[in-house]
N, C-alpha and C. Protein backbone atom coordinates (compact mmCIF):
# COMPACT_ATOMS: atom_id res chain seq x y z
N MET A 1 -1.99 25.15 10.64
CA MET A 1 -3.06 24.98 10.01
C MET A 1 -3.92 24.88 10.92
N ALA A 2 -5.02 25.49 10.51
CA ALA A 2 -6.42 25.96 11.57
C ALA A 2 -7.24 24.50 11.13
N ASP A 3 -7.58 24.47 12.18
CA ASP A 3 -8.41 23.05 12.45
C ASP A 3 -9.75 23.41 11.72
N VAL A 4 -10.40 22.54 11.23
CA VAL A 4 -11.28 22.42 10.29
C VAL A 4 -12.38 21.26 10.88
N ASP A 5 -13.39 21.27 11.02
CA ASP A 5 -14.29 20.60 11.50
C ASP A 5 -14.95 19.76 10.09
N PRO A 6 -14.52 18.89 10.15
CA PRO A 6 -15.18 17.68 8.61
C PRO A 6 -16.61 17.71 8.23
N LEU A 7 -17.20 17.93 9.74
CA LEU A 7 -18.84 17.69 9.55
C LEU A 7 -19.57 18.93 9.43
N THR A 8 -18.91 20.08 9.61
CA THR A 8 -19.47 21.13 9.43
C THR A 8 -19.34 21.88 8.57
N THR A 9 -17.79 21.85 8.26
CA THR A 9 -17.44 22.87 7.19
C THR A 9 -18.22 22.53 5.97
N ARG A 10 -17.96 23.80 5.09
CA ARG A 10 -18.43 23.60 3.77
C ARG A 10 -17.59 23.05 2.73
N TRP A 11 -17.79 22.18 1.69
CA TRP A 11 -16.94 21.72 1.05
C TRP A 11 -16.91 22.05 -0.24
N SER A 12 -15.91 22.56 -0.99
CA SER A 12 -16.22 22.95 -2.55
C SER A 12 -16.67 21.92 -3.33
N PRO A 13 -17.04 22.15 -4.55
CA PRO A 13 -17.37 20.76 -5.70
C PRO A 13 -16.09 20.43 -6.24
N ASP A 14 -14.96 20.71 -6.02
CA ASP A 14 -13.76 20.03 -6.28
C ASP A 14 -12.91 19.67 -5.47
N GLN A 15 -13.28 19.91 -4.19
CA GLN A 15 -12.70 19.29 -2.73
C GLN A 15 -13.55 17.83 -2.67
N VAL A 16 -14.98 17.88 -2.69
CA VAL A 16 -15.64 16.66 -2.73
C VAL A 16 -15.34 15.76 -4.18
N GLU A 17 -15.09 16.22 -5.26
CA GLU A 17 -14.87 15.57 -6.19
C GLU A 17 -13.16 14.69 -6.14
N VAL A 18 -12.11 15.36 -5.25
CA VAL A 18 -11.05 14.92 -5.13
C VAL A 18 -11.26 13.37 -4.26
N MET A 19 -12.04 13.74 -3.12
CA MET A 19 -12.43 12.57 -2.16
C MET A 19 -13.06 11.62 -2.78
N HIS A 20 -13.95 11.66 -3.97
CA HIS A 20 -14.40 10.85 -4.29
C HIS A 20 -13.60 9.88 -5.19
N ARG A 21 -13.07 10.43 -6.23
CA ARG A 21 -11.82 10.01 -6.90
C ARG A 21 -10.65 9.17 -6.06
N LEU A 22 -10.36 9.82 -5.04
CA LEU A 22 -9.39 8.99 -4.34
C LEU A 22 -9.83 7.50 -3.61
N ARG A 23 -11.51 7.86 -3.02
CA ARG A 23 -12.23 6.77 -2.77
C ARG A 23 -12.28 5.58 -3.65
N ASP A 24 -12.67 6.20 -4.94
CA ASP A 24 -12.74 5.35 -6.34
C ASP A 24 -11.33 4.49 -6.70
N TRP A 25 -10.07 5.14 -6.54
CA TRP A 25 -8.83 4.35 -6.44
C TRP A 25 -8.45 3.62 -5.39
N ALA A 26 -8.98 4.19 -4.45
CA ALA A 26 -8.53 2.87 -3.31
C ALA A 26 -9.79 1.56 -3.48
N VAL A 27 -10.75 1.55 -4.12
CA VAL A 27 -11.87 0.49 -4.19
C VAL A 27 -11.19 0.00 -5.62
N GLY A 28 -10.70 0.53 -6.19
CA GLY A 28 -10.20 0.02 -7.75
C GLY A 28 -8.83 -0.88 -7.42
N PHE A 29 -8.01 -0.07 -6.65
CA PHE A 29 -6.79 -0.87 -6.25
C PHE A 29 -7.06 -2.11 -5.58
N ALA A 30 -8.20 -2.23 -4.49
CA ALA A 30 -8.89 -3.34 -3.67
C ALA A 30 -9.08 -4.35 -4.97
N GLN A 31 -9.81 -4.04 -5.77
CA GLN A 31 -10.38 -5.00 -6.59
C GLN A 31 -9.13 -5.49 -7.65
N LEU A 32 -8.29 -4.52 -7.82
CA LEU A 32 -7.04 -5.17 -8.68
C LEU A 32 -6.34 -6.58 -7.61
N ASN A 33 -6.26 -5.99 -6.30
CA ASN A 33 -5.32 -6.81 -5.25
C ASN A 33 -6.52 -8.42 -5.13
N HIS A 34 -7.72 -8.11 -5.37
CA HIS A 34 -8.55 -9.02 -5.48
C HIS A 34 -7.88 -10.29 -6.59
N HIS A 35 -8.33 -9.62 -8.16
CA HIS A 35 -7.61 -10.28 -9.21
C HIS A 35 -6.36 -11.13 -9.17
N LEU A 36 -5.22 -10.31 -8.41
CA LEU A 36 -3.95 -10.54 -8.31
C LEU A 36 -4.21 -12.06 -7.58
N GLY A 37 -5.11 -11.81 -6.38
CA GLY A 37 -4.91 -12.98 -5.67
C GLY A 37 -5.69 -14.18 -6.49
N GLU A 38 -6.40 -14.19 -7.39
CA GLU A 38 -6.90 -15.25 -8.40
C GLU A 38 -6.13 -15.69 -9.00
N TRP A 39 -5.31 -14.69 -9.73
CA TRP A 39 -4.17 -15.13 -10.61
C TRP A 39 -3.07 -15.92 -9.76
N VAL A 40 -2.64 -15.73 -8.73
CA VAL A 40 -1.56 -16.40 -8.18
C VAL A 40 -2.34 -17.27 -7.02
N GLY A 41 -3.60 -17.44 -7.10
CA GLY A 41 -4.05 -18.35 -5.77
C GLY A 41 -3.95 -18.39 -4.38
N LEU A 42 -3.99 -16.92 -4.11
CA LEU A 42 -3.86 -16.68 -3.00
C LEU A 42 -5.28 -15.84 -2.33
N PRO A 43 -5.46 -15.66 -0.82
CA PRO A 43 -6.52 -14.62 -0.55
C PRO A 43 -6.50 -13.33 -0.82
N VAL A 44 -7.01 -12.43 -0.66
CA VAL A 44 -6.75 -10.88 -1.07
C VAL A 44 -5.61 -10.42 -0.09
N SER A 45 -5.69 -10.71 0.94
CA SER A 45 -4.60 -10.00 2.20
C SER A 45 -3.18 -10.61 1.75
N ASP A 46 -3.35 -11.94 1.44
CA ASP A 46 -1.90 -12.48 1.07
C ASP A 46 -1.55 -11.44 -0.43
N ALA A 47 -2.46 -11.72 -1.48
CA ALA A 47 -1.98 -10.99 -2.59
C ALA A 47 -1.45 -9.76 -2.42
N ASN A 48 -2.05 -8.88 -1.44
CA ASN A 48 -1.76 -7.45 -1.50
C ASN A 48 -0.32 -7.55 -0.73
N ALA A 49 -0.14 -8.60 0.46
CA ALA A 49 1.12 -8.49 1.03
C ALA A 49 1.93 -8.84 -0.12
N LEU A 50 2.14 -9.84 -0.85
CA LEU A 50 2.77 -10.26 -1.95
C LEU A 50 3.11 -9.04 -3.01
N GLY A 51 1.88 -8.74 -2.98
CA GLY A 51 2.32 -7.26 -4.06
C GLY A 51 2.92 -6.13 -3.71
N GLN A 52 2.74 -6.07 -2.48
CA GLN A 52 3.69 -4.77 -1.74
C GLN A 52 4.95 -5.39 -1.38
N ILE A 53 5.26 -6.61 -1.04
CA ILE A 53 6.52 -7.36 -1.31
C ILE A 53 7.36 -7.11 -2.44
N ILE A 54 6.89 -7.42 -3.67
CA ILE A 54 7.64 -7.38 -4.98
C ILE A 54 7.54 -6.30 -5.31
N TRP A 55 6.95 -5.13 -4.98
CA TRP A 55 7.00 -3.57 -5.64
C TRP A 55 8.02 -3.26 -4.90
N ALA A 56 8.20 -3.56 -3.60
CA ALA A 56 9.43 -3.07 -2.73
C ALA A 56 10.76 -3.16 -3.24
N ALA A 57 10.44 -4.65 -3.55
CA ALA A 57 12.09 -5.49 -4.01
C ALA A 57 12.18 -4.79 -5.46
N GLU A 58 11.43 -4.32 -6.16
CA GLU A 58 11.46 -4.18 -7.48
C GLU A 58 12.05 -2.59 -7.62
N THR A 59 11.96 -1.65 -6.51
CA THR A 59 11.98 -0.60 -6.56
C THR A 59 13.36 -0.26 -5.53
N GLY A 60 14.19 -1.16 -5.27
CA GLY A 60 15.32 -1.30 -4.64
C GLY A 60 15.14 -0.67 -3.01
N ASP A 61 14.11 -0.98 -2.36
CA ASP A 61 13.46 -0.70 -1.33
C ASP A 61 12.81 -1.89 -0.35
N PRO A 62 13.55 -2.94 -0.09
CA PRO A 62 12.79 -3.90 0.57
C PRO A 62 12.14 -3.92 1.48
N LEU A 63 11.09 -4.58 1.95
CA LEU A 63 10.34 -4.46 3.40
C LEU A 63 10.79 -5.29 4.43
N SER A 64 10.90 -4.63 5.67
CA SER A 64 10.84 -5.48 6.80
C SER A 64 9.55 -5.96 6.92
N PRO A 65 9.35 -7.12 7.86
CA PRO A 65 8.14 -7.15 8.56
C PRO A 65 7.26 -5.94 9.10
N ALA A 66 8.00 -5.18 9.78
CA ALA A 66 7.24 -4.32 10.56
C ALA A 66 7.08 -3.10 9.38
N ARG A 67 7.69 -3.12 8.68
CA ARG A 67 7.43 -1.95 7.38
C ARG A 67 6.16 -2.22 6.57
N LEU A 68 5.86 -3.70 6.57
CA LEU A 68 5.01 -4.53 5.70
C LEU A 68 3.56 -3.91 6.58
N ALA A 69 3.97 -4.38 7.65
CA ALA A 69 2.76 -4.49 8.79
C ALA A 69 1.92 -3.29 8.65
N ARG A 70 2.84 -2.01 8.83
CA ARG A 70 2.34 -0.79 8.34
C ARG A 70 1.91 -0.64 7.17
N HIS A 71 2.18 -0.96 6.12
CA HIS A 71 1.77 -0.63 4.93
C HIS A 71 0.17 -1.30 4.50
N LEU A 72 0.38 -2.49 5.71
CA LEU A 72 -0.96 -3.02 5.20
C LEU A 72 -1.92 -3.07 6.30
N GLY A 73 -1.49 -2.16 7.31
CA GLY A 73 -2.66 -1.82 8.40
C GLY A 73 -2.98 -2.90 9.55
N MET A 74 -2.24 -3.67 9.57
CA MET A 74 -1.78 -5.05 10.35
C MET A 74 -1.26 -4.94 11.45
N THR A 75 -1.74 -6.00 12.62
CA THR A 75 -0.38 -5.80 13.48
C THR A 75 0.79 -6.55 13.26
N THR A 76 1.98 -6.56 13.80
CA THR A 76 2.86 -7.26 13.66
C THR A 76 2.75 -8.84 13.40
N GLY A 77 2.05 -9.11 14.81
CA GLY A 77 1.55 -10.63 14.90
C GLY A 77 0.81 -10.98 13.93
N ALA A 78 -0.17 -10.66 13.35
CA ALA A 78 -1.05 -11.09 12.12
C ALA A 78 -0.20 -10.96 11.10
N THR A 79 0.76 -10.15 10.97
CA THR A 79 1.62 -9.84 9.59
C THR A 79 2.61 -11.23 9.99
N THR A 80 3.29 -11.53 10.84
CA THR A 80 3.83 -12.39 11.12
C THR A 80 3.09 -14.11 10.42
N ILE A 81 1.79 -14.02 11.02
CA ILE A 81 1.08 -15.58 10.63
C ILE A 81 0.86 -15.27 8.76
N LEU A 82 0.65 -14.19 8.41
CA LEU A 82 0.46 -13.95 7.08
C LEU A 82 1.79 -14.40 6.25
N LEU A 83 3.12 -14.01 6.88
CA LEU A 83 4.54 -14.68 6.21
C LEU A 83 4.42 -15.54 6.17
N ASN A 84 4.24 -16.34 7.43
CA ASN A 84 4.41 -17.66 7.40
C ASN A 84 3.92 -18.48 6.33
N ARG A 85 2.57 -18.09 6.13
CA ARG A 85 1.86 -18.65 5.23
C ARG A 85 2.53 -18.38 3.68
N LEU A 86 2.92 -17.03 3.36
CA LEU A 86 3.76 -16.99 2.33
C LEU A 86 4.87 -17.50 2.16
N GLU A 87 5.60 -17.58 2.93
CA GLU A 87 7.10 -18.38 3.12
C GLU A 87 6.56 -19.75 3.07
N GLY A 88 5.36 -20.38 3.78
CA GLY A 88 5.43 -22.00 3.58
C GLY A 88 4.89 -22.35 2.41
N ALA A 89 4.36 -21.45 1.57
CA ALA A 89 3.70 -21.56 0.23
C ALA A 89 4.49 -21.45 -0.78
N GLY A 90 6.09 -20.99 -0.46
CA GLY A 90 7.22 -20.73 -1.35
C GLY A 90 6.93 -19.15 -2.40
N HIS A 91 6.08 -18.11 -1.69
CA HIS A 91 5.94 -17.18 -2.48
C HIS A 91 7.15 -16.24 -2.10
N ILE A 92 7.70 -16.02 -1.11
CA ILE A 92 8.82 -15.22 -0.64
C ILE A 92 9.51 -15.79 0.42
N HIS A 93 10.71 -15.28 0.84
CA HIS A 93 11.51 -15.56 1.57
C HIS A 93 12.13 -14.66 2.26
N ARG A 94 12.44 -14.72 3.70
CA ARG A 94 13.34 -13.61 4.71
C ARG A 94 14.70 -14.10 4.68
N SER A 95 15.46 -12.94 4.67
CA SER A 95 16.86 -13.01 4.73
C SER A 95 17.25 -11.88 5.46
N ARG A 96 18.46 -11.93 5.75
CA ARG A 96 19.27 -11.01 6.71
C ARG A 96 20.62 -10.77 5.89
N GLU A 97 20.18 -9.32 5.61
CA GLU A 97 21.09 -8.62 4.54
C GLU A 97 21.78 -7.50 5.18
N SER A 98 21.22 -7.28 6.37
CA SER A 98 22.03 -5.95 7.15
C SER A 98 23.28 -6.58 7.59
N ALA A 99 24.14 -5.46 8.14
CA ALA A 99 25.08 -5.67 9.35
C ALA A 99 24.33 -5.87 10.20
N ASP A 100 23.26 -5.19 10.93
CA ASP A 100 22.55 -5.80 11.92
C ASP A 100 21.53 -7.01 11.49
N ARG A 101 22.20 -8.19 12.58
CA ARG A 101 21.61 -9.39 11.79
C ARG A 101 20.25 -9.80 12.21
N ARG A 102 19.94 -8.87 13.23
CA ARG A 102 18.17 -9.19 14.04
C ARG A 102 17.34 -8.45 12.82
N ARG A 103 17.69 -7.57 11.64
CA ARG A 103 17.03 -7.05 10.94
C ARG A 103 16.87 -8.11 9.50
N VAL A 104 15.28 -8.26 9.26
CA VAL A 104 14.46 -9.09 8.31
C VAL A 104 14.56 -8.64 7.30
N THR A 105 14.61 -8.98 5.99
CA THR A 105 14.39 -8.35 4.71
C THR A 105 13.35 -9.39 4.15
N LEU A 106 12.30 -8.81 3.50
CA LEU A 106 11.22 -9.83 2.50
C LEU A 106 11.88 -9.77 1.21
N ARG A 107 11.74 -11.04 0.77
CA ARG A 107 11.99 -11.18 -0.70
C ARG A 107 10.93 -12.04 -1.62
N PRO A 108 10.22 -11.53 -2.54
CA PRO A 108 9.86 -12.07 -3.48
C PRO A 108 10.46 -13.66 -3.94
N ASP A 109 9.87 -14.59 -4.22
CA ASP A 109 10.54 -15.98 -4.44
C ASP A 109 10.70 -15.63 -6.26
N PRO A 110 11.26 -15.91 -7.12
CA PRO A 110 11.32 -15.69 -8.50
C PRO A 110 10.19 -16.27 -9.21
N ALA A 111 9.42 -17.39 -8.71
CA ALA A 111 8.34 -17.80 -9.46
C ALA A 111 7.05 -17.19 -9.11
N ALA A 112 7.35 -16.78 -7.98
CA ALA A 112 6.10 -15.64 -7.73
C ALA A 112 5.92 -14.40 -8.25
N ARG A 113 7.19 -13.92 -8.15
CA ARG A 113 7.28 -12.67 -8.96
C ARG A 113 6.88 -12.70 -10.36
N GLU A 114 7.31 -13.62 -11.07
CA GLU A 114 7.19 -13.84 -12.43
C GLU A 114 5.48 -14.00 -12.60
N LYS A 115 4.63 -14.57 -11.73
CA LYS A 115 3.17 -14.68 -12.14
C LYS A 115 2.68 -13.10 -11.74
N ALA A 116 3.32 -12.59 -10.55
CA ALA A 116 2.72 -11.01 -10.62
C ALA A 116 3.07 -10.29 -11.87
N GLN A 117 4.13 -10.48 -12.33
CA GLN A 117 4.77 -9.81 -13.44
C GLN A 117 3.55 -10.05 -14.76
N ARG A 118 3.23 -11.18 -15.02
CA ARG A 118 2.39 -11.66 -15.99
C ARG A 118 1.04 -11.21 -15.80
N PHE A 119 0.99 -10.92 -14.69
CA PHE A 119 -0.55 -10.18 -13.86
C PHE A 119 -0.50 -8.75 -14.40
N LEU A 120 0.75 -7.98 -14.06
CA LEU A 120 0.53 -6.77 -14.17
C LEU A 120 0.94 -6.65 -15.45
N ALA A 121 1.73 -7.39 -16.26
CA ALA A 121 1.63 -7.08 -17.95
C ALA A 121 0.09 -7.26 -18.78
N PHE A 122 -0.77 -7.92 -17.77
CA PHE A 122 -2.06 -8.26 -18.47
C PHE A 122 -2.98 -6.62 -17.73
N ALA A 123 -3.05 -6.91 -16.47
CA ALA A 123 -3.68 -5.72 -15.99
C ALA A 123 -3.59 -4.31 -15.93
N GLY A 124 -2.28 -4.17 -15.80
CA GLY A 124 -1.71 -2.84 -15.80
C GLY A 124 -1.48 -1.84 -16.73
N VAL A 125 -1.98 -2.39 -17.90
CA VAL A 125 -1.73 -1.48 -19.20
C VAL A 125 -2.19 -0.20 -19.19
N GLU A 126 -3.68 -0.10 -18.78
CA GLU A 126 -4.38 1.30 -18.56
C GLU A 126 -3.61 2.20 -17.80
N ILE A 127 -3.19 1.59 -16.44
CA ILE A 127 -2.79 2.42 -15.64
C ILE A 127 -1.36 2.81 -16.17
N ALA A 128 -0.37 2.29 -16.66
CA ALA A 128 0.85 2.58 -17.23
C ALA A 128 0.99 3.35 -18.32
N THR A 129 -0.20 3.15 -19.37
CA THR A 129 -0.37 4.19 -20.33
C THR A 129 -0.69 5.44 -19.96
N THR A 130 -1.46 5.24 -18.82
CA THR A 130 -2.07 6.59 -18.32
C THR A 130 -0.80 7.48 -17.79
N LEU A 131 -0.05 7.12 -16.84
CA LEU A 131 1.28 7.35 -16.34
C LEU A 131 2.23 7.79 -17.35
N HIS A 132 2.66 7.14 -18.53
CA HIS A 132 3.47 7.08 -19.49
C HIS A 132 3.01 8.30 -20.31
N THR A 133 1.64 8.79 -20.27
CA THR A 133 1.05 9.87 -21.28
C THR A 133 0.96 10.90 -20.72
N ALA A 134 0.87 10.94 -18.99
CA ALA A 134 0.68 12.00 -18.46
C ALA A 134 1.75 13.23 -18.71
N ASP A 135 1.10 14.63 -18.64
CA ASP A 135 2.23 15.72 -18.64
C ASP A 135 3.20 15.62 -17.50
N PRO A 136 4.40 15.96 -17.53
CA PRO A 136 5.17 15.97 -16.42
C PRO A 136 4.76 16.83 -15.40
N ALA A 137 4.52 17.87 -15.82
CA ALA A 137 3.65 18.92 -14.71
C ALA A 137 2.45 18.63 -14.00
N GLU A 138 1.57 17.76 -14.58
CA GLU A 138 0.66 17.15 -14.17
C GLU A 138 1.03 15.97 -13.27
N LEU A 139 2.11 15.37 -13.01
CA LEU A 139 2.50 14.23 -12.09
C LEU A 139 3.09 15.15 -11.14
N ARG A 140 3.76 16.07 -11.50
CA ARG A 140 4.54 16.78 -10.47
C ARG A 140 3.61 17.21 -9.39
N ALA A 141 2.30 17.49 -9.95
CA ALA A 141 1.40 18.52 -9.23
C ALA A 141 0.86 17.58 -8.34
N ALA A 142 0.45 16.37 -8.93
CA ALA A 142 -0.48 15.27 -8.20
C ALA A 142 0.52 14.74 -7.05
N THR A 143 1.51 14.21 -7.66
CA THR A 143 2.82 14.29 -6.38
C THR A 143 2.52 14.94 -5.09
N ALA A 144 2.73 16.33 -5.53
CA ALA A 144 2.75 17.24 -4.28
C ALA A 144 1.75 17.06 -3.83
N PHE A 145 0.13 16.97 -4.49
CA PHE A 145 -0.82 17.16 -3.82
C PHE A 145 -0.95 15.84 -2.66
N LEU A 146 -0.79 14.49 -3.44
CA LEU A 146 -0.73 13.21 -2.88
C LEU A 146 0.33 13.51 -1.97
N ARG A 147 1.30 14.09 -1.74
CA ARG A 147 2.08 14.01 -0.63
C ARG A 147 1.56 14.79 0.69
N LYS A 148 1.20 16.11 0.28
CA LYS A 148 0.73 16.91 1.31
C LYS A 148 -0.79 15.97 2.42
N LEU A 149 -1.52 15.24 1.17
CA LEU A 149 -2.43 14.47 1.96
C LEU A 149 -2.36 13.54 2.55
N THR A 150 -0.88 12.93 2.10
CA THR A 150 -0.72 11.71 3.08
C THR A 150 0.11 12.16 3.98
N ALA A 151 1.13 13.34 4.34
CA ALA A 151 1.45 13.78 5.50
C ALA A 151 0.13 14.38 6.57
N ALA A 152 -1.04 14.67 5.90
CA ALA A 152 -2.17 14.77 6.76
C ALA A 152 -2.44 13.80 7.49
N ILE A 153 -2.73 12.71 6.76
CA ILE A 153 -3.24 11.35 7.18
C ILE A 153 -2.33 10.91 8.06
N SER A 154 -1.17 10.77 7.96
CA SER A 154 0.18 10.56 8.79
C SER A 154 -0.08 11.14 10.41
N GLU A 155 -0.52 12.54 10.24
CA GLU A 155 -0.36 13.40 11.54
C GLU A 155 -1.72 12.90 12.34
N ALA A 156 -2.96 12.62 11.69
CA ALA A 156 -3.84 12.15 12.06
C ALA A 156 -4.01 10.92 12.74
N ASN A 157 -3.21 9.95 12.09
CA ASN A 157 -2.83 8.63 12.78
C ASN A 157 -2.01 8.70 13.88
N GLN A 158 -1.12 9.29 13.70
CA GLN A 158 0.02 9.68 15.04
C GLN A 158 -0.91 10.55 16.26
N ARG A 159 -1.77 11.39 15.96
CA ARG A 159 -2.42 12.13 17.13
C ARG A 159 -3.69 11.02 17.85
N LEU A 160 -4.28 10.08 16.85
CA LEU A 160 -5.04 9.02 17.04
C LEU A 160 -3.99 8.20 17.83
N ASP A 161 -3.06 7.42 17.64
CA ASP A 161 -2.09 6.79 18.39
C ASP A 161 -1.94 7.62 19.63
N ARG A 162 -1.62 8.56 19.92
CA ARG A 162 -1.41 9.22 21.01
C ARG A 162 -2.43 9.63 21.80
N GLU A 163 -3.48 10.13 21.18
CA GLU A 163 -4.81 9.93 22.07
C GLU A 163 -5.46 9.06 22.41
N GLY A 164 -6.00 8.14 21.56
CA GLY A 164 -6.78 7.31 21.46
C GLY A 164 -8.17 7.40 21.34
N PRO A 165 -9.22 6.76 21.51
CA PRO A 165 -10.56 7.02 21.58
C PRO A 165 -10.96 8.08 22.48
N PRO A 166 -11.80 8.69 22.50
CA PRO A 166 -12.36 9.69 23.41
C PRO A 166 -12.65 8.86 24.60
N SER A 167 -13.06 9.30 25.79
CA SER A 167 -13.85 8.41 26.80
C SER A 167 -15.27 8.57 26.88
N PRO A 168 -15.90 7.34 26.93
CA PRO A 168 -17.26 7.44 26.94
C PRO A 168 -17.86 8.35 28.25
N THR A 169 -19.09 8.99 27.35
CA THR A 169 -19.90 9.95 28.18
C THR A 169 -20.98 9.35 28.72
């Protein structure tokens, strides 16, 4: 892929529109996490983590603390503190389900899962309707594009992790 300078390149109206809609999705998702926090009586960061833990468990791919930290963009130390709060409040539990007993799996408490389900049944109607009424080809195209964009973000983050910030001049 040719390097493109994001500050000096010309962007098409469609490219700009995609970036605006992705921003709007991120803002809307953050607002939903805020509302989830209100429903379950948690700070937004804790509600976001709980939502991630519940979603992962529901899809059959439960999170480890390290994977949760990556999903949240937090350090493992900060994530441990957050998990201690969630576990202490009875929202989650940690278990060792793997043959490798060092591996910890995060599971939601049934009561926390029920609260989140009530929230989603109320707040997720519009999103569920949109997804269920979308044309399958449209969903496949959106998924393919988002995979490419996610891969690009991952590459950028890996490069930044390797190279770090530029040295001051």
